[in-house]
């Protein structure tokens, strides 16, 4: 069950940051830069969540 929780948190972290980047691109017309930045930050944030949870025990 712990692994399923981590998977959902990783997906949510990535999804939220990509969505925010996509919305910022729409508002400011900077396509695809904020979406790309959101994707990269989403992966880094998701890995951070995973490592934090894995080391917590």
PDB file of N, CA and C in Angstrom:
ATOM      1  N   UNK A   1       0.819  -1.201   0.000  1.00  0.00           N
ATOM      2  CA  UNK A   1       0.000   0.000   0.000  1.00  0.00           C
ATOM      3  C   UNK A   1       0.859   1.260   0.000  1.00  0.00           C
ATOM      4  N   UNK A   2       2.013   1.180   0.663  1.00  0.00           N
ATOM      5  CA  UNK A   2       2.907   2.334   0.715  1.00  0.00           C
ATOM      6  C   UNK A   2       3.358   2.736  -0.692  1.00  0.00           C
ATOM      7  N   UNK A   3       3.638   1.736  -1.541  1.00  0.00           N
ATOM      8  CA  UNK A   3       4.128   2.031  -2.883  1.00  0.00           C
ATOM      9  C   UNK A   3       3.057   2.684  -3.742  1.00  0.00           C
ATOM     10  N   UNK A   4       1.807   2.263  -3.554  1.00  0.00           N
ATOM     11  CA  UNK A   4       0.713   2.858  -4.324  1.00  0.00           C
ATOM     12  C   UNK A   4       0.529   4.324  -3.928  1.00  0.00           C
ATOM     13  N   UNK A   5       0.680   4.614  -2.662  1.00  0.00           N
ATOM     14  CA  UNK A   5       0.580   5.986  -2.182  1.00  0.00           C
ATOM     15  C   UNK A   5       1.687   6.850  -2.787  1.00  0.00           C
ATOM     16  N   UNK A   6       2.902   6.303  -2.837  1.00  0.00           N
ATOM     17  CA  UNK A   6       4.017   7.041  -3.424  1.00  0.00           C
ATOM     18  C   UNK A   6       3.778   7.295  -4.908  1.00  0.00           C
ATOM     19  N   UNK A   7       3.230   6.313  -5.602  1.00  0.00           N
ATOM     20  CA  UNK A   7       2.969   6.472  -7.039  1.00  0.00           C
ATOM     21  C   UNK A   7       1.948   7.579  -7.276  1.00  0.00           C
ATOM     22  N   UNK A   8       0.901   7.614  -6.474  1.00  0.00           N
ATOM     23  CA  UNK A   8      -0.114   8.662  -6.631  1.00  0.00           C
ATOM     24  C   UNK A   8       0.456  10.038  -6.317  1.00  0.00           C
ATOM     25  N   UNK A   9       1.292  10.124  -5.293  1.00  0.00           N
ATOM     26  CA  UNK A   9       1.900  11.423  -4.965  1.00  0.00           C
ATOM     27  C   UNK A   9       2.832  11.893  -6.069  1.00  0.00           C
ATOM     28  N   UNK A  10       3.588  10.963  -6.652  1.00  0.00           N
ATOM     29  CA  UNK A  10       4.481  11.334  -7.747  1.00  0.00           C
ATOM     30  C   UNK A  10       3.676  11.822  -8.953  1.00  0.00           C
ATOM     31  N   UNK A  11       2.622  11.108  -9.298  1.00  0.00           N
ATOM     32  CA  UNK A  11       1.792  11.491 -10.439  1.00  0.00           C
ATOM     33  C   UNK A  11       1.122  12.845 -10.194  1.00  0.00           C
ATOM     34  N   UNK A  12       0.646  13.057  -8.986  1.00  0.00           N
ATOM     35  CA  UNK A  12      -0.010  14.326  -8.663  1.00  0.00           C
ATOM     36  C   UNK A  12       0.979  15.486  -8.720  1.00  0.00           C
ATOM     37  N   UNK A  13       2.179  15.281  -8.190  1.00  0.00           N
ATOM     38  CA  UNK A  13       3.199  16.332  -8.217  1.00  0.00           C
ATOM     39  C   UNK A  13       3.539  16.709  -9.650  1.00  0.00           C
ATOM     40  N   UNK A  14       3.786  15.711 -10.483  1.00  0.00           N
ATOM     41  CA  UNK A  14       4.123  15.980 -11.880  1.00  0.00           C
ATOM     42  C   UNK A  14       2.947  16.623 -12.603  1.00  0.00           C
ATOM     43  N   UNK A  15       1.758  16.106 -12.383  1.00  0.00           N
ATOM     44  CA  UNK A  15       0.581  16.636 -13.060  1.00  0.00           C
ATOM     45  C   UNK A  15       0.306  18.087 -12.729  1.00  0.00           C
ATOM     46  N   UNK A  16       0.412  18.433 -11.465  1.00  0.00           N
ATOM     47  CA  UNK A  16       0.141  19.818 -11.045  1.00  0.00           C
ATOM     48  C   UNK A  16       1.158  20.781 -11.645  1.00  0.00           C
ATOM     49  N   UNK A  17       2.433  20.425 -11.607  1.00  0.00           N
ATOM     50  CA  UNK A  17       3.453  21.343 -12.128  1.00  0.00           C
ATOM     51  C   UNK A  17       3.393  21.467 -13.648  1.00  0.00           C
ATOM     52  N   UNK A  18       3.103  20.396 -14.357  1.00  0.00           N
ATOM     53  CA  UNK A  18       2.945  20.490 -15.814  1.00  0.00           C
ATOM     54  C   UNK A  18       1.716  21.330 -16.147  1.00  0.00           C
ATOM     55  N   UNK A  19       0.631  21.124 -15.408  1.00  0.00           N
ATOM     56  CA  UNK A  19      -0.583  21.914 -15.645  1.00  0.00           C
ATOM     57  C   UNK A  19      -0.329  23.403 -15.403  1.00  0.00           C
ATOM     58  N   UNK A  20       0.375  23.728 -14.334  1.00  0.00           N
ATOM     59  CA  UNK A  20       0.677  25.141 -14.062  1.00  0.00           C
ATOM     60  C   UNK A  20       1.548  25.745 -15.158  1.00  0.00           C
ATOM     61  N   UNK A  21       2.524  24.992 -15.633  1.00  0.00           N
ATOM     62  CA  UNK A  21       3.351  25.471 -16.738  1.00  0.00           C
ATOM     63  C   UNK A  21       2.545  25.695 -17.999  1.00  0.00           C
ATOM     64  N   UNK A  22       1.627  24.777 -18.282  1.00  0.00           N
ATOM     65  CA  UNK A  22       0.762  24.897 -19.462  1.00  0.00           C
ATOM     66  C   UNK A  22      -0.133  26.124 -19.359  1.00  0.00           C
ATOM     67  N   UNK A  23      -0.700  26.364 -18.167  1.00  0.00           N
ATOM     68  CA  UNK A  23      -1.555  27.542 -17.970  1.00  0.00           C
ATOM     69  C   UNK A  23      -0.750  28.836 -18.112  1.00  0.00           C
ATOM     70  N   UNK A  24       0.441  28.872 -17.566  1.00  0.00           N
ATOM     71  CA  UNK A  24       1.284  30.067 -17.694  1.00  0.00           C
ATOM     72  C   UNK A  24       1.624  30.334 -19.158  1.00  0.00           C
ATOM     73  N   UNK A  25       1.885  29.282 -19.926  1.00  0.00           N
ATOM     74  CA  UNK A  25       2.125  29.456 -21.358  1.00  0.00           C
ATOM     75  C   UNK A  25       0.914  30.069 -22.046  1.00  0.00           C
ATOM     76  N   UNK A  26      -0.260  29.631 -21.664  1.00  0.00           N
ATOM     77  CA  UNK A  26      -1.478  30.183 -22.258  1.00  0.00           C
ATOM     78  C   UNK A  26      -1.689  31.643 -21.902  1.00  0.00           C
ATOM     79  N   UNK A  27      -1.397  31.997 -20.658  1.00  0.00           N
ATOM     80  CA  UNK A  27      -1.588  33.383 -20.216  1.00  0.00           C
ATOM     81  C   UNK A  27      -0.596  34.330 -20.864  1.00  0.00           C
ATOM     82  N   UNK A  28       0.658  33.923 -20.936  1.00  0.00           N
ATOM     83  CA  UNK A  28       1.711  34.825 -21.384  1.00  0.00           C
ATOM     84  C   UNK A  28       2.205  34.561 -22.799  1.00  0.00           C
ATOM     85  N   UNK A  29       1.679  33.549 -23.451  1.00  0.00           N
ATOM     86  CA  UNK A  29       2.069  33.254 -24.828  1.00  0.00           C
ATOM     87  C   UNK A  29       3.520  32.861 -24.991  1.00  0.00           C
ATOM     88  N   UNK A  30       4.042  32.086 -24.083  1.00  0.00           N
ATOM     89  CA  UNK A  30       5.452  31.697 -24.111  1.00  0.00           C
ATOM     90  C   UNK A  30       5.646  30.233 -24.477  1.00  0.00           C
ATOM     91  N   UNK A  31       4.683  29.657 -25.169  1.00  0.00           N
ATOM     92  CA  UNK A  31       4.714  28.233 -25.494  1.00  0.00           C
ATOM     93  C   UNK A  31       6.044  27.839 -26.084  1.00  0.00           C
ATOM     94  N   UNK A  32       6.679  26.828 -25.729  1.00  0.00           N
ATOM     95  CA  UNK A  32       6.460  25.754 -24.764  1.00  0.00           C
ATOM     96  C   UNK A  32       7.306  25.899 -23.507  1.00  0.00           C
ATOM     97  N   UNK A  33       7.843  27.071 -23.217  1.00  0.00           N
ATOM     98  CA  UNK A  33       8.878  27.193 -22.191  1.00  0.00           C
ATOM     99  C   UNK A  33       8.387  26.902 -20.777  1.00  0.00           C
ATOM    100  N   UNK A  34       7.247  27.423 -20.383  1.00  0.00           N
ATOM    101  CA  UNK A  34       6.768  27.149 -19.035  1.00  0.00           C
ATOM    102  C   UNK A  34       6.296  25.702 -18.891  1.00  0.00           C
ATOM    103  N   UNK A  35       5.758  25.130 -19.961  1.00  0.00           N
ATOM    104  CA  UNK A  35       5.370  23.726 -19.915  1.00  0.00           C
ATOM    105  C   UNK A  35       6.611  22.848 -19.756  1.00  0.00           C
ATOM    106  N   UNK A  36       7.660  23.171 -20.461  1.00  0.00           N
ATOM    107  CA  UNK A  36       8.917  22.432 -20.334  1.00  0.00           C
ATOM    108  C   UNK A  36       9.502  22.581 -18.935  1.00  0.00           C
ATOM    109  N   UNK A  37       9.496  23.795 -18.416  1.00  0.00           N
ATOM    110  CA  UNK A  37      10.002  24.023 -17.061  1.00  0.00           C
ATOM    111  C   UNK A  37       9.146  23.292 -16.030  1.00  0.00           C
ATOM    112  N   UNK A  38       7.836  23.305 -16.213  1.00  0.00           N
ATOM    113  CA  UNK A  38       6.945  22.581 -15.316  1.00  0.00           C
ATOM    114  C   UNK A  38       7.188  21.086 -15.370  1.00  0.00           C
ATOM    115  N   UNK A  39       7.476  20.570 -16.553  1.00  0.00           N
ATOM    116  CA  UNK A  39       7.772  19.146 -16.694  1.00  0.00           C
ATOM    117  C   UNK A  39       9.048  18.769 -15.949  1.00  0.00           C
ATOM    118  N   UNK A  40      10.066  19.566 -16.127  1.00  0.00           N
ATOM    119  CA  UNK A  40      11.342  19.289 -15.455  1.00  0.00           C
ATOM    120  C   UNK A  40      11.185  19.414 -13.948  1.00  0.00           C
ATOM    121  N   UNK A  41      10.543  20.475 -13.489  1.00  0.00           N
ATOM    122  CA  UNK A  41      10.326  20.635 -12.056  1.00  0.00           C
ATOM    123  C   UNK A  41       9.408  19.544 -11.503  1.00  0.00           C
ATOM    124  N   UNK A  42       8.469  19.091 -12.321  1.00  0.00           N
ATOM    125  CA  UNK A  42       7.586  18.014 -11.905  1.00  0.00           C
ATOM    126  C   UNK A  42       8.340  16.719 -11.661  1.00  0.00           C
ATOM    127  N   UNK A  43       9.259  16.391 -12.554  1.00  0.00           N
ATOM    128  CA  UNK A  43      10.061  15.175 -12.377  1.00  0.00           C
ATOM    129  C   UNK A  43      10.959  15.309 -11.154  1.00  0.00           C
ATOM    130  N   UNK A  44      11.606  16.452 -11.005  1.00  0.00           N
ATOM    131  CA  UNK A  44      12.474  16.663  -9.842  1.00  0.00           C
ATOM    132  C   UNK A  44      11.662  16.629  -8.550  1.00  0.00           C
ATOM    133  N   UNK A  45      10.521  17.280  -8.541  1.00  0.00           N
ATOM    134  CA  UNK A  45       9.668  17.281  -7.361  1.00  0.00           C
ATOM    135  C   UNK A  45       9.154  15.899  -7.029  1.00  0.00           C
ATOM    136  N   UNK A  46       8.788  15.133  -8.037  1.00  0.00           N
ATOM    137  CA  UNK A  46       8.300  13.775  -7.812  1.00  0.00           C
ATOM    138  C   UNK A  46       9.404  12.884  -7.247  1.00  0.00           C
ATOM    139  N   UNK A  47      10.610  13.035  -7.755  1.00  0.00           N
ATOM    140  CA  UNK A  47      11.729  12.253  -7.219  1.00  0.00           C
ATOM    141  C   UNK A  47      12.028  12.654  -5.772  1.00  0.00           C
ATOM    142  N   UNK A  48      11.917  13.940  -5.484  1.00  0.00           N
ATOM    143  CA  UNK A  48      12.130  14.422  -4.119  1.00  0.00           C
ATOM    144  C   UNK A  48      11.121  13.784  -3.165  1.00  0.00           C
ATOM    145  N   UNK A  49       9.860  13.748  -3.584  1.00  0.00           N
ATOM    146  CA  UNK A  49       8.808  13.123  -2.774  1.00  0.00           C
ATOM    147  C   UNK A  49       9.122  11.645  -2.565  1.00  0.00           C
ATOM    148  N   UNK A  50       9.532  10.958  -3.638  1.00  0.00           N
ATOM    149  CA  UNK A  50       9.830   9.544  -3.540  1.00  0.00           C
ATOM    150  C   UNK A  50      10.986   9.267  -2.581  1.00  0.00           C
ATOM    151  N   UNK A  51      12.071  10.012  -2.695  1.00  0.00           N
ATOM    152  CA  UNK A  51      13.210   9.807  -1.814  1.00  0.00           C
ATOM    153  C   UNK A  51      12.873  10.135  -0.371  1.00  0.00           C
ATOM    154  N   UNK A  52      12.116  11.209  -0.162  1.00  0.00           N
ATOM    155  CA  UNK A  52      11.730  11.584   1.192  1.00  0.00           C
ATOM    156  C   UNK A  52      10.879  10.491   1.843  1.00  0.00           C
ATOM    157  N   UNK A  53       9.928   9.952   1.095  1.00  0.00           N
ATOM    158  CA  UNK A  53       9.075   8.875   1.607  1.00  0.00           C
ATOM    159  C   UNK A  53       9.868   7.590   1.826  1.00  0.00           C
ATOM    160  N   UNK A  54      10.769   7.264   0.921  1.00  0.00           N
ATOM    161  CA  UNK A  54      11.534   6.014   1.019  1.00  0.00           C
ATOM    162  C   UNK A  54      12.476   6.033   2.212  1.00  0.00           C
ATOM    163  N   UNK A  55      13.042   7.185   2.511  1.00  0.00           N
ATOM    164  CA  UNK A  55      13.990   7.269   3.628  1.00  0.00           C
ATOM    165  C   UNK A  55      13.307   7.447   4.967  1.00  0.00           C
ATOM    166  N   UNK A  56      12.025   7.792   4.956  1.00  0.00           N
ATOM    167  CA  UNK A  56      11.290   8.052   6.188  1.00  0.00           C
ATOM    168  C   UNK A  56      11.078   6.792   7.014  1.00  0.00           C
ATOM    169  N   UNK A  57      10.724   5.703   6.369  1.00  0.00           N
ATOM    170  CA  UNK A  57      10.438   4.409   7.007  1.00  0.00           C
ATOM    171  C   UNK A  57       9.492   4.603   8.138  1.00  0.00           C
TER     172      UNK A  57
END
